Amino acid sequence: MAKLYFYYSAMNAGKTTTLLQSAHNYRERGMRVAILTPRLDNRAGSGVVASRIGLKADGMAFERDSDLQRLVEADIAARGPLGCVLVDEAQFLSRAQVWQLSEVVDQLRIPVLCYGLRTDFRGELFEGSQYLLAWADEMQEIKTICHSGKKATMTVRVDEHGHAVQDGPQVEIGGNERYVSVSRAEFKKITRGESRIDPMQAALPL
């Protein structure tokens, strides 16, 4: 039975690597997949999904106002049946788009696997993550480690001096030079100014 899945984590936990491995598994079994990626995250190029370890694949770039159900239906009409839909950076989905993906599951009977952050640099839910947490059939955390050795569950946005940035837009595309995954306890210390962190210090998968 098709389901809507949400795989969430802090930054640098290997979400995109896991997505690309899932795509490979489907294709190895002779099933076609569609990879959807928000156009605003163009660090690897528009429509390209790339992991930190060098894996990458072409996907379909979408805008915030794109109808994802219609996008999937058009892809099926042009290229044939789909075994699965995979969504990278799913935190950037709108409420309407999460609902559209649920329709892909319920009406088209195609599994949808979404990968994204749960919270932003302030510890607040992203819109896409909020509704995936509310509506997904199954959810799973992809774990990563804070520099303290504890499980990292929060993401801190830092400046070039390693100090936490607490103001600014929710969405600001960046990698290890701007974001670090930390435990909740470290998040509190850093945002209170009691600690700083090397902005190039990346969390590691558990």
N, C-alpha and C. Protein backbone atom coordinates (compact mmCIF):
# COMPACT_ATOMS: atom_id res chain seq x y z
N MET A 1 0.85 -1.19 0.00
CA MET A 1 0.00 0.00 0.00
C MET A 1 0.89 1.25 0.00
N ALA A 2 0.58 2.19 -0.85
CA ALA A 2 1.36 3.42 -0.94
C ALA A 2 1.20 4.25 0.32
N LYS A 3 2.28 4.91 0.73
CA LYS A 3 2.26 5.75 1.93
C LYS A 3 3.05 7.03 1.68
N LEU A 4 2.77 8.02 2.50
CA LEU A 4 3.54 9.26 2.53
C LEU A 4 4.53 9.16 3.68
N TYR A 5 5.81 9.23 3.37
CA TYR A 5 6.87 9.09 4.36
C TYR A 5 7.58 10.43 4.57
N PHE A 6 7.99 10.67 5.81
CA PHE A 6 8.81 11.85 6.10
C PHE A 6 10.04 11.41 6.87
N TYR A 7 11.21 11.59 6.24
CA TYR A 7 12.49 11.31 6.87
C TYR A 7 13.12 12.66 7.22
N TYR A 8 13.30 12.93 8.50
CA TYR A 8 13.74 14.26 8.93
C TYR A 8 15.00 14.17 9.78
N SER A 9 15.69 15.30 9.86
CA SER A 9 16.91 15.35 10.67
C SER A 9 17.36 16.79 10.81
N ALA A 10 18.47 16.97 11.52
CA ALA A 10 19.19 18.24 11.51
C ALA A 10 20.06 18.26 10.25
N MET A 11 20.81 19.35 10.05
CA MET A 11 21.69 19.47 8.87
C MET A 11 22.77 18.39 8.88
N ASN A 12 23.20 18.03 7.68
CA ASN A 12 24.37 17.16 7.47
C ASN A 12 24.22 15.77 8.08
N ALA A 13 23.01 15.24 8.04
CA ALA A 13 22.77 13.89 8.56
C ALA A 13 22.78 12.84 7.45
N GLY A 14 22.91 13.27 6.21
CA GLY A 14 22.92 12.32 5.10
C GLY A 14 21.56 12.09 4.48
N LYS A 15 20.67 13.09 4.57
CA LYS A 15 19.31 12.92 4.01
C LYS A 15 19.36 12.70 2.50
N THR A 16 20.14 13.53 1.79
CA THR A 16 20.18 13.41 0.34
C THR A 16 20.85 12.12 -0.08
N THR A 17 21.88 11.70 0.64
CA THR A 17 22.51 10.41 0.36
C THR A 17 21.50 9.28 0.49
N THR A 18 20.68 9.33 1.53
CA THR A 18 19.66 8.31 1.74
C THR A 18 18.62 8.34 0.63
N LEU A 19 18.23 9.56 0.20
CA LEU A 19 17.29 9.69 -0.91
C LEU A 19 17.85 9.05 -2.17
N LEU A 20 19.10 9.35 -2.49
CA LEU A 20 19.71 8.82 -3.70
C LEU A 20 19.88 7.31 -3.63
N GLN A 21 20.12 6.78 -2.44
CA GLN A 21 20.20 5.33 -2.27
C GLN A 21 18.83 4.70 -2.50
N SER A 22 17.78 5.36 -2.00
CA SER A 22 16.43 4.85 -2.22
C SER A 22 16.09 4.84 -3.70
N ALA A 23 16.45 5.91 -4.42
CA ALA A 23 16.22 5.97 -5.87
C ALA A 23 16.96 4.83 -6.57
N HIS A 24 18.19 4.58 -6.17
CA HIS A 24 18.97 3.49 -6.76
C HIS A 24 18.30 2.15 -6.52
N ASN A 25 17.78 1.94 -5.31
CA ASN A 25 17.13 0.67 -4.98
C ASN A 25 15.92 0.42 -5.86
N TYR A 26 15.10 1.45 -6.08
CA TYR A 26 13.93 1.31 -6.95
C TYR A 26 14.36 1.00 -8.38
N ARG A 27 15.34 1.76 -8.88
CA ARG A 27 15.77 1.58 -10.27
C ARG A 27 16.41 0.21 -10.48
N GLU A 28 17.11 -0.28 -9.47
CA GLU A 28 17.74 -1.59 -9.57
C GLU A 28 16.71 -2.69 -9.74
N ARG A 29 15.50 -2.43 -9.27
CA ARG A 29 14.40 -3.39 -9.40
C ARG A 29 13.51 -3.10 -10.60
N GLY A 30 14.00 -2.25 -11.48
CA GLY A 30 13.30 -1.99 -12.73
C GLY A 30 12.17 -0.99 -12.63
N MET A 31 12.12 -0.21 -11.54
CA MET A 31 11.05 0.76 -11.35
C MET A 31 11.57 2.18 -11.55
N ARG A 32 10.78 2.97 -12.23
CA ARG A 32 11.17 4.36 -12.50
C ARG A 32 10.79 5.24 -11.31
N VAL A 33 11.62 6.24 -11.03
CA VAL A 33 11.35 7.16 -9.93
C VAL A 33 11.35 8.59 -10.45
N ALA A 34 10.66 9.46 -9.73
CA ALA A 34 10.72 10.90 -9.98
C ALA A 34 11.31 11.56 -8.75
N ILE A 35 12.35 12.36 -8.95
CA ILE A 35 12.97 13.11 -7.85
C ILE A 35 12.57 14.57 -8.01
N LEU A 36 11.94 15.12 -6.97
CA LEU A 36 11.52 16.52 -6.97
C LEU A 36 12.42 17.32 -6.04
N THR A 37 12.82 18.50 -6.49
CA THR A 37 13.70 19.33 -5.67
C THR A 37 13.31 20.80 -5.84
N PRO A 38 13.27 21.57 -4.77
CA PRO A 38 12.89 22.98 -4.89
C PRO A 38 13.91 23.78 -5.70
N ARG A 39 13.43 24.61 -6.60
CA ARG A 39 14.32 25.37 -7.46
C ARG A 39 15.20 26.34 -6.67
N LEU A 40 14.73 26.80 -5.51
CA LEU A 40 15.49 27.79 -4.75
C LEU A 40 16.81 27.23 -4.22
N ASP A 41 16.89 25.89 -4.05
CA ASP A 41 18.16 25.29 -3.62
C ASP A 41 18.92 24.85 -4.87
N ASN A 42 19.71 25.76 -5.41
CA ASN A 42 20.41 25.48 -6.67
C ASN A 42 21.92 25.38 -6.48
N ARG A 43 22.35 24.96 -5.29
CA ARG A 43 23.78 24.88 -5.02
C ARG A 43 24.50 23.94 -5.99
N ALA A 44 23.82 22.86 -6.40
CA ALA A 44 24.43 21.91 -7.34
C ALA A 44 23.95 22.15 -8.76
N GLY A 45 23.12 23.18 -8.96
CA GLY A 45 22.52 23.45 -10.26
C GLY A 45 21.03 23.21 -10.18
N SER A 46 20.26 23.94 -10.94
CA SER A 46 18.81 23.80 -10.90
C SER A 46 18.39 22.40 -11.33
N GLY A 47 17.59 21.77 -10.48
CA GLY A 47 17.09 20.43 -10.79
C GLY A 47 18.07 19.31 -10.50
N VAL A 48 19.21 19.61 -9.91
CA VAL A 48 20.20 18.59 -9.57
C VAL A 48 20.18 18.34 -8.06
N VAL A 49 20.10 17.09 -7.67
CA VAL A 49 20.15 16.70 -6.27
C VAL A 49 21.52 16.10 -6.01
N ALA A 50 22.27 16.68 -5.07
CA ALA A 50 23.65 16.25 -4.82
C ALA A 50 23.89 16.11 -3.33
N SER A 51 24.61 15.06 -2.96
CA SER A 51 24.96 14.83 -1.56
C SER A 51 26.38 15.32 -1.29
N ARG A 52 26.72 15.46 -0.02
CA ARG A 52 28.05 15.93 0.35
C ARG A 52 29.15 14.93 0.00
N ILE A 53 28.79 13.65 -0.17
CA ILE A 53 29.82 12.64 -0.45
C ILE A 53 30.03 12.44 -1.95
N GLY A 54 29.37 13.28 -2.77
CA GLY A 54 29.65 13.26 -4.20
C GLY A 54 28.61 12.58 -5.08
N LEU A 55 27.59 11.96 -4.48
CA LEU A 55 26.53 11.35 -5.28
C LEU A 55 25.58 12.43 -5.78
N LYS A 56 25.05 12.25 -6.98
CA LYS A 56 24.08 13.21 -7.48
C LYS A 56 23.20 12.59 -8.54
N ALA A 57 22.06 13.23 -8.79
CA ALA A 57 21.11 12.75 -9.79
C ALA A 57 20.29 13.93 -10.27
N ASP A 58 19.78 13.81 -11.47
CA ASP A 58 18.90 14.83 -12.01
C ASP A 58 17.50 14.68 -11.43
N GLY A 59 16.87 15.80 -11.17
CA GLY A 59 15.51 15.79 -10.66
C GLY A 59 14.67 16.83 -11.39
N MET A 60 13.44 16.97 -10.96
CA MET A 60 12.55 17.99 -11.50
C MET A 60 12.47 19.13 -10.50
N ALA A 61 12.89 20.33 -10.93
CA ALA A 61 12.83 21.49 -10.05
C ALA A 61 11.41 22.02 -10.01
N PHE A 62 10.98 22.41 -8.82
CA PHE A 62 9.64 22.98 -8.68
C PHE A 62 9.70 24.31 -7.94
N GLU A 63 8.70 25.14 -8.21
CA GLU A 63 8.55 26.43 -7.54
C GLU A 63 7.61 26.29 -6.35
N ARG A 64 7.55 27.32 -5.53
CA ARG A 64 6.68 27.27 -4.35
C ARG A 64 5.20 27.18 -4.73
N ASP A 65 4.85 27.69 -5.91
CA ASP A 65 3.45 27.64 -6.33
C ASP A 65 3.17 26.50 -7.31
N SER A 66 4.14 25.60 -7.53
CA SER A 66 3.92 24.46 -8.43
C SER A 66 2.90 23.50 -7.83
N ASP A 67 2.06 22.92 -8.68
CA ASP A 67 1.14 21.87 -8.25
C ASP A 67 1.85 20.54 -8.44
N LEU A 68 2.28 19.91 -7.36
CA LEU A 68 3.12 18.72 -7.44
C LEU A 68 2.34 17.50 -7.92
N GLN A 69 1.05 17.44 -7.61
CA GLN A 69 0.25 16.34 -8.14
C GLN A 69 0.19 16.42 -9.66
N ARG A 70 -0.03 17.61 -10.20
CA ARG A 70 -0.09 17.79 -11.65
C ARG A 70 1.28 17.53 -12.28
N LEU A 71 2.35 17.91 -11.58
CA LEU A 71 3.70 17.66 -12.08
C LEU A 71 3.96 16.17 -12.21
N VAL A 72 3.55 15.41 -11.22
CA VAL A 72 3.73 13.95 -11.24
C VAL A 72 2.85 13.33 -12.32
N GLU A 73 1.62 13.78 -12.43
CA GLU A 73 0.73 13.24 -13.46
C GLU A 73 1.27 13.50 -14.86
N ALA A 74 1.84 14.69 -15.08
CA ALA A 74 2.42 15.01 -16.38
C ALA A 74 3.64 14.15 -16.67
N ASP A 75 4.43 13.87 -15.64
CA ASP A 75 5.60 13.01 -15.81
C ASP A 75 5.19 11.59 -16.19
N ILE A 76 4.14 11.09 -15.55
CA ILE A 76 3.64 9.75 -15.87
C ILE A 76 3.11 9.70 -17.30
N ALA A 77 2.37 10.73 -17.71
CA ALA A 77 1.82 10.78 -19.06
C ALA A 77 2.93 10.80 -20.11
N ALA A 78 4.04 11.47 -19.80
CA ALA A 78 5.13 11.61 -20.76
C ALA A 78 6.09 10.43 -20.76
N ARG A 79 6.31 9.81 -19.58
CA ARG A 79 7.39 8.84 -19.47
C ARG A 79 6.95 7.47 -18.97
N GLY A 80 5.72 7.32 -18.52
CA GLY A 80 5.26 6.02 -18.07
C GLY A 80 5.15 5.91 -16.56
N PRO A 81 4.73 4.74 -16.08
CA PRO A 81 4.45 4.53 -14.66
C PRO A 81 5.64 4.85 -13.75
N LEU A 82 5.31 5.26 -12.54
CA LEU A 82 6.31 5.55 -11.52
C LEU A 82 6.21 4.54 -10.38
N GLY A 83 7.38 4.13 -9.88
CA GLY A 83 7.39 3.27 -8.70
C GLY A 83 7.42 4.07 -7.42
N CYS A 84 7.90 5.33 -7.51
CA CYS A 84 8.07 6.12 -6.30
C CYS A 84 8.35 7.57 -6.66
N VAL A 85 7.94 8.49 -5.78
CA VAL A 85 8.30 9.90 -5.88
C VAL A 85 9.15 10.23 -4.67
N LEU A 86 10.30 10.87 -4.89
CA LEU A 86 11.19 11.26 -3.81
C LEU A 86 11.33 12.78 -3.82
N VAL A 87 11.27 13.39 -2.64
CA VAL A 87 11.31 14.85 -2.53
C VAL A 87 12.49 15.25 -1.65
N ASP A 88 13.41 16.02 -2.23
CA ASP A 88 14.57 16.53 -1.49
C ASP A 88 14.24 17.89 -0.88
N GLU A 89 14.87 18.22 0.23
CA GLU A 89 14.66 19.52 0.91
C GLU A 89 13.17 19.79 1.13
N ALA A 90 12.49 18.78 1.69
CA ALA A 90 11.03 18.84 1.82
C ALA A 90 10.55 19.91 2.80
N GLN A 91 11.46 20.46 3.61
CA GLN A 91 11.05 21.53 4.52
C GLN A 91 10.56 22.75 3.76
N PHE A 92 10.97 22.89 2.49
CA PHE A 92 10.59 24.06 1.70
C PHE A 92 9.23 23.91 1.01
N LEU A 93 8.58 22.79 1.19
CA LEU A 93 7.24 22.60 0.64
C LEU A 93 6.25 23.55 1.30
N SER A 94 5.24 23.93 0.56
CA SER A 94 4.14 24.68 1.16
C SER A 94 3.10 23.70 1.71
N ARG A 95 2.20 24.21 2.51
CA ARG A 95 1.10 23.39 3.02
C ARG A 95 0.34 22.74 1.86
N ALA A 96 0.03 23.53 0.82
CA ALA A 96 -0.71 23.01 -0.32
C ALA A 96 0.06 21.89 -1.01
N GLN A 97 1.39 22.02 -1.11
CA GLN A 97 2.18 21.00 -1.78
C GLN A 97 2.24 19.70 -0.99
N VAL A 98 2.28 19.78 0.33
CA VAL A 98 2.22 18.56 1.13
C VAL A 98 0.90 17.85 0.88
N TRP A 99 -0.18 18.62 0.80
CA TRP A 99 -1.49 18.03 0.52
C TRP A 99 -1.50 17.38 -0.87
N GLN A 100 -0.90 18.06 -1.85
CA GLN A 100 -0.82 17.50 -3.20
C GLN A 100 -0.05 16.18 -3.21
N LEU A 101 1.01 16.10 -2.45
CA LEU A 101 1.77 14.85 -2.37
C LEU A 101 0.95 13.75 -1.70
N SER A 102 0.13 14.13 -0.73
CA SER A 102 -0.76 13.12 -0.13
C SER A 102 -1.77 12.61 -1.14
N GLU A 103 -2.15 13.46 -2.10
CA GLU A 103 -3.05 13.02 -3.16
C GLU A 103 -2.34 12.08 -4.14
N VAL A 104 -1.05 12.30 -4.37
CA VAL A 104 -0.27 11.36 -5.18
C VAL A 104 -0.32 9.97 -4.56
N VAL A 105 -0.24 9.93 -3.23
CA VAL A 105 -0.32 8.66 -2.51
C VAL A 105 -1.73 8.08 -2.58
N ASP A 106 -2.73 8.89 -2.23
CA ASP A 106 -4.08 8.38 -2.06
C ASP A 106 -4.83 8.17 -3.36
N GLN A 107 -4.59 9.04 -4.36
CA GLN A 107 -5.32 8.93 -5.62
C GLN A 107 -4.53 8.16 -6.68
N LEU A 108 -3.23 8.39 -6.75
CA LEU A 108 -2.41 7.73 -7.77
C LEU A 108 -1.78 6.43 -7.27
N ARG A 109 -1.85 6.21 -5.97
CA ARG A 109 -1.30 4.99 -5.34
C ARG A 109 0.20 4.85 -5.56
N ILE A 110 0.90 5.98 -5.43
CA ILE A 110 2.36 5.98 -5.58
C ILE A 110 2.99 6.39 -4.26
N PRO A 111 3.94 5.63 -3.73
CA PRO A 111 4.62 6.04 -2.50
C PRO A 111 5.38 7.35 -2.70
N VAL A 112 5.35 8.20 -1.70
CA VAL A 112 6.09 9.46 -1.72
C VAL A 112 7.01 9.51 -0.52
N LEU A 113 8.31 9.66 -0.76
CA LEU A 113 9.31 9.71 0.30
C LEU A 113 9.88 11.12 0.34
N CYS A 114 9.66 11.81 1.46
CA CYS A 114 10.11 13.19 1.63
C CYS A 114 11.27 13.24 2.61
N TYR A 115 12.30 14.01 2.28
CA TYR A 115 13.49 14.13 3.11
C TYR A 115 13.73 15.61 3.40
N GLY A 116 13.85 15.97 4.68
CA GLY A 116 14.06 17.37 4.98
C GLY A 116 14.39 17.65 6.42
N LEU A 117 14.66 18.91 6.69
CA LEU A 117 14.89 19.37 8.06
C LEU A 117 13.57 19.47 8.79
N ARG A 118 13.62 19.29 10.10
CA ARG A 118 12.41 19.47 10.90
C ARG A 118 12.25 20.93 11.32
N THR A 119 13.35 21.53 11.79
CA THR A 119 13.27 22.90 12.32
C THR A 119 14.33 23.80 11.70
N ASP A 120 14.11 25.11 11.81
CA ASP A 120 15.04 26.09 11.27
C ASP A 120 16.07 26.50 12.33
N PHE A 121 16.85 27.55 12.02
CA PHE A 121 17.93 27.97 12.91
C PHE A 121 17.43 28.59 14.21
N ARG A 122 16.13 28.89 14.27
CA ARG A 122 15.54 29.39 15.51
C ARG A 122 14.90 28.29 16.34
N GLY A 123 14.89 27.07 15.82
CA GLY A 123 14.21 25.98 16.49
C GLY A 123 12.73 25.92 16.17
N GLU A 124 12.29 26.64 15.13
CA GLU A 124 10.89 26.66 14.73
C GLU A 124 10.67 25.72 13.54
N LEU A 125 9.48 25.14 13.47
CA LEU A 125 9.16 24.25 12.36
C LEU A 125 9.10 25.01 11.04
N PHE A 126 9.63 24.39 9.98
CA PHE A 126 9.37 24.85 8.63
C PHE A 126 7.93 24.49 8.27
N GLU A 127 7.36 25.23 7.32
CA GLU A 127 5.98 24.95 6.92
C GLU A 127 5.83 23.52 6.37
N GLY A 128 6.72 23.15 5.47
CA GLY A 128 6.63 21.81 4.90
C GLY A 128 6.75 20.73 5.95
N SER A 129 7.69 20.90 6.86
CA SER A 129 7.90 19.91 7.91
C SER A 129 6.69 19.84 8.85
N GLN A 130 6.10 20.98 9.15
CA GLN A 130 4.93 21.02 10.02
C GLN A 130 3.81 20.14 9.50
N TYR A 131 3.54 20.27 8.19
CA TYR A 131 2.42 19.51 7.63
C TYR A 131 2.79 18.07 7.29
N LEU A 132 4.06 17.81 7.04
CA LEU A 132 4.48 16.42 6.90
C LEU A 132 4.38 15.70 8.24
N LEU A 133 4.76 16.37 9.31
CA LEU A 133 4.60 15.76 10.64
C LEU A 133 3.14 15.51 10.96
N ALA A 134 2.26 16.38 10.45
CA ALA A 134 0.83 16.24 10.72
C ALA A 134 0.18 15.16 9.85
N TRP A 135 0.63 15.02 8.60
CA TRP A 135 -0.12 14.21 7.64
C TRP A 135 0.59 12.96 7.14
N ALA A 136 1.88 12.81 7.38
CA ALA A 136 2.60 11.64 6.87
C ALA A 136 2.09 10.36 7.53
N ASP A 137 2.11 9.28 6.76
CA ASP A 137 1.74 7.97 7.30
C ASP A 137 2.83 7.41 8.19
N GLU A 138 4.07 7.65 7.81
CA GLU A 138 5.20 7.16 8.59
C GLU A 138 6.29 8.22 8.63
N MET A 139 6.94 8.33 9.79
CA MET A 139 8.02 9.28 9.99
C MET A 139 9.23 8.58 10.61
N GLN A 140 10.40 9.01 10.20
CA GLN A 140 11.62 8.41 10.74
C GLN A 140 12.71 9.47 10.84
N GLU A 141 13.39 9.50 11.96
CA GLU A 141 14.50 10.43 12.14
C GLU A 141 15.78 9.83 11.57
N ILE A 142 16.50 10.63 10.79
CA ILE A 142 17.84 10.26 10.35
C ILE A 142 18.81 10.95 11.32
N LYS A 143 19.55 10.17 12.07
CA LYS A 143 20.29 10.71 13.20
C LYS A 143 21.68 11.19 12.81
N THR A 144 22.14 12.18 13.56
CA THR A 144 23.49 12.70 13.39
C THR A 144 24.03 13.15 14.75
N ILE A 145 25.32 13.44 14.83
CA ILE A 145 25.98 13.69 16.11
C ILE A 145 26.46 15.13 16.22
N CYS A 146 26.23 15.72 17.38
CA CYS A 146 26.75 17.03 17.74
C CYS A 146 28.25 16.91 18.06
N HIS A 147 28.98 18.03 17.98
CA HIS A 147 30.40 18.02 18.33
C HIS A 147 30.62 17.63 19.80
N SER A 148 29.56 17.72 20.61
CA SER A 148 29.66 17.35 22.03
C SER A 148 29.57 15.84 22.22
N GLY A 149 29.21 15.11 21.15
CA GLY A 149 29.05 13.67 21.25
C GLY A 149 27.61 13.23 21.44
N LYS A 150 26.72 14.18 21.75
CA LYS A 150 25.30 13.87 21.90
C LYS A 150 24.62 13.86 20.54
N LYS A 151 23.41 13.30 20.51
CA LYS A 151 22.64 13.32 19.27
C LYS A 151 22.29 14.76 18.92
N ALA A 152 22.51 15.14 17.65
CA ALA A 152 22.17 16.48 17.19
C ALA A 152 20.72 16.50 16.71
N THR A 153 19.95 17.44 17.24
CA THR A 153 18.54 17.57 16.85
C THR A 153 18.20 18.98 16.37
N MET A 154 19.12 19.92 16.53
CA MET A 154 18.88 21.32 16.21
C MET A 154 19.93 21.80 15.20
N THR A 155 19.59 22.86 14.49
CA THR A 155 20.51 23.45 13.53
C THR A 155 20.75 24.91 13.89
N VAL A 156 22.03 25.30 13.96
CA VAL A 156 22.41 26.67 14.27
C VAL A 156 22.95 27.33 13.01
N ARG A 157 22.51 28.56 12.74
CA ARG A 157 23.09 29.38 11.68
C ARG A 157 24.18 30.23 12.30
N VAL A 158 25.38 30.19 11.74
CA VAL A 158 26.50 30.90 12.35
C VAL A 158 27.11 31.89 11.36
N ASP A 159 27.80 32.90 11.91
CA ASP A 159 28.55 33.83 11.07
C ASP A 159 29.97 33.32 10.91
N GLU A 160 30.82 34.12 10.26
CA GLU A 160 32.19 33.67 9.97
C GLU A 160 33.04 33.52 11.22
N HIS A 161 32.56 34.04 12.37
CA HIS A 161 33.30 33.93 13.63
C HIS A 161 32.77 32.81 14.52
N GLY A 162 31.78 32.06 14.03
CA GLY A 162 31.24 30.96 14.81
C GLY A 162 30.18 31.37 15.80
N HIS A 163 29.70 32.62 15.70
CA HIS A 163 28.64 33.08 16.60
C HIS A 163 27.27 32.82 15.98
N ALA A 164 26.31 32.47 16.81
CA ALA A 164 24.97 32.18 16.33
C ALA A 164 24.31 33.42 15.75
N VAL A 165 23.64 33.24 14.62
CA VAL A 165 22.85 34.30 14.00
C VAL A 165 21.39 34.03 14.35
N GLN A 166 20.74 34.99 15.00
CA GLN A 166 19.38 34.76 15.46
C GLN A 166 18.35 35.61 14.72
N ASP A 167 18.81 36.43 13.80
CA ASP A 167 17.90 37.25 13.00
C ASP A 167 18.11 36.94 11.53
N GLY A 168 17.11 37.29 10.74
CA GLY A 168 17.21 37.08 9.30
C GLY A 168 16.09 36.19 8.80
N PRO A 169 16.03 36.00 7.48
CA PRO A 169 14.96 35.19 6.90
C PRO A 169 15.07 33.73 7.31
N GLN A 170 13.93 33.05 7.34
CA GLN A 170 13.96 31.64 7.69
C GLN A 170 14.75 30.83 6.68
N VAL A 171 14.61 31.17 5.41
CA VAL A 171 15.28 30.42 4.35
C VAL A 171 16.50 31.19 3.87
N GLU A 172 17.66 30.60 4.05
CA GLU A 172 18.92 31.15 3.53
C GLU A 172 19.78 29.96 3.17
N ILE A 173 19.93 29.72 1.87
CA ILE A 173 20.61 28.53 1.41
C ILE A 173 22.09 28.59 1.79
N GLY A 174 22.58 27.47 2.32
CA GLY A 174 23.99 27.39 2.70
C GLY A 174 24.35 26.00 3.16
N GLY A 175 25.62 25.77 3.34
CA GLY A 175 26.11 24.46 3.76
C GLY A 175 26.86 24.56 5.07
N ASN A 176 27.99 23.84 5.15
CA ASN A 176 28.75 23.77 6.40
C ASN A 176 29.29 25.12 6.85
N GLU A 177 29.46 26.05 5.90
CA GLU A 177 30.00 27.36 6.28
C GLU A 177 28.97 28.21 7.00
N ARG A 178 27.69 27.82 6.96
CA ARG A 178 26.62 28.63 7.56
C ARG A 178 25.81 27.89 8.61
N TYR A 179 25.81 26.56 8.57
CA TYR A 179 24.94 25.81 9.45
C TYR A 179 25.70 24.67 10.13
N VAL A 180 25.40 24.46 11.40
CA VAL A 180 26.00 23.38 12.17
C VAL A 180 24.90 22.69 12.96
N SER A 181 24.94 21.36 12.98
CA SER A 181 23.96 20.58 13.74
C SER A 181 24.48 20.35 15.15
N VAL A 182 23.63 20.60 16.12
CA VAL A 182 24.02 20.49 17.53
C VAL A 182 22.90 19.85 18.34
N SER A 183 23.24 19.44 19.55
CA SER A 183 22.22 18.94 20.49
C SER A 183 21.39 20.11 21.01
N ARG A 184 20.27 19.80 21.62
CA ARG A 184 19.44 20.86 22.18
C ARG A 184 20.19 21.66 23.25
N ALA A 185 20.97 20.96 24.08
CA ALA A 185 21.72 21.64 25.14
C ALA A 185 22.74 22.61 24.55
N GLU A 186 23.45 22.19 23.49
CA GLU A 186 24.41 23.07 22.84
C GLU A 186 23.71 24.23 22.13
N PHE A 187 22.56 23.95 21.54
CA PHE A 187 21.78 25.00 20.88
C PHE A 187 21.47 26.12 21.87
N LYS A 188 21.07 25.76 23.08
CA LYS A 188 20.75 26.76 24.11
C LYS A 188 21.99 27.58 24.46
N LYS A 189 23.12 26.92 24.65
CA LYS A 189 24.35 27.62 25.01
C LYS A 189 24.78 28.59 23.91
N ILE A 190 24.74 28.11 22.66
CA ILE A 190 25.20 28.92 21.54
C ILE A 190 24.29 30.12 21.32
N THR A 191 22.98 29.91 21.38
CA THR A 191 22.05 31.02 21.14
C THR A 191 22.04 32.01 22.30
N ARG A 192 22.49 31.58 23.49
CA ARG A 192 22.63 32.52 24.62
C ARG A 192 23.97 33.23 24.59
N GLY A 193 24.83 32.88 23.67
CA GLY A 193 26.14 33.51 23.57
C GLY A 193 27.15 32.93 24.54
N GLU A 194 26.85 31.79 25.15
CA GLU A 194 27.75 31.18 26.13
C GLU A 194 28.79 30.29 25.47
N SER A 195 28.62 30.03 24.19
CA SER A 195 29.53 29.15 23.49
C SER A 195 29.57 29.55 22.02
N ARG A 196 30.61 29.18 21.33
CA ARG A 196 30.72 29.39 19.89
C ARG A 196 31.15 28.09 19.26
N ILE A 197 31.09 28.04 17.93
CA ILE A 197 31.41 26.79 17.26
C ILE A 197 32.11 27.07 15.95
N ASP A 198 33.01 26.20 15.56
CA ASP A 198 33.67 26.32 14.27
C ASP A 198 32.64 26.15 13.16
N PRO A 199 32.44 27.14 12.32
CA PRO A 199 31.41 27.01 11.30
C PRO A 199 31.67 25.91 10.29
N MET A 200 32.89 25.42 10.20
CA MET A 200 33.20 24.33 9.28
C MET A 200 33.12 22.97 9.96
N GLN A 201 32.66 22.93 11.22
CA GLN A 201 32.60 21.67 11.96
C GLN A 201 31.29 20.99 11.61
N ALA A 202 31.36 19.89 10.89
CA ALA A 202 30.15 19.20 10.41
C ALA A 202 29.78 18.08 11.37
N ALA A 203 28.48 17.82 11.50
CA ALA A 203 28.01 16.68 12.28
C ALA A 203 28.21 15.41 11.47
N LEU A 204 28.28 14.30 12.17
CA LEU A 204 28.52 13.02 11.52
C LEU A 204 27.33 12.08 11.74
N PRO A 205 26.98 11.24 10.76
CA PRO A 205 25.88 10.30 10.95
C PRO A 205 26.19 9.33 12.08
N LEU A 206 25.12 8.97 12.81
CA LEU A 206 25.28 7.97 13.86
C LEU A 206 25.50 6.58 13.25
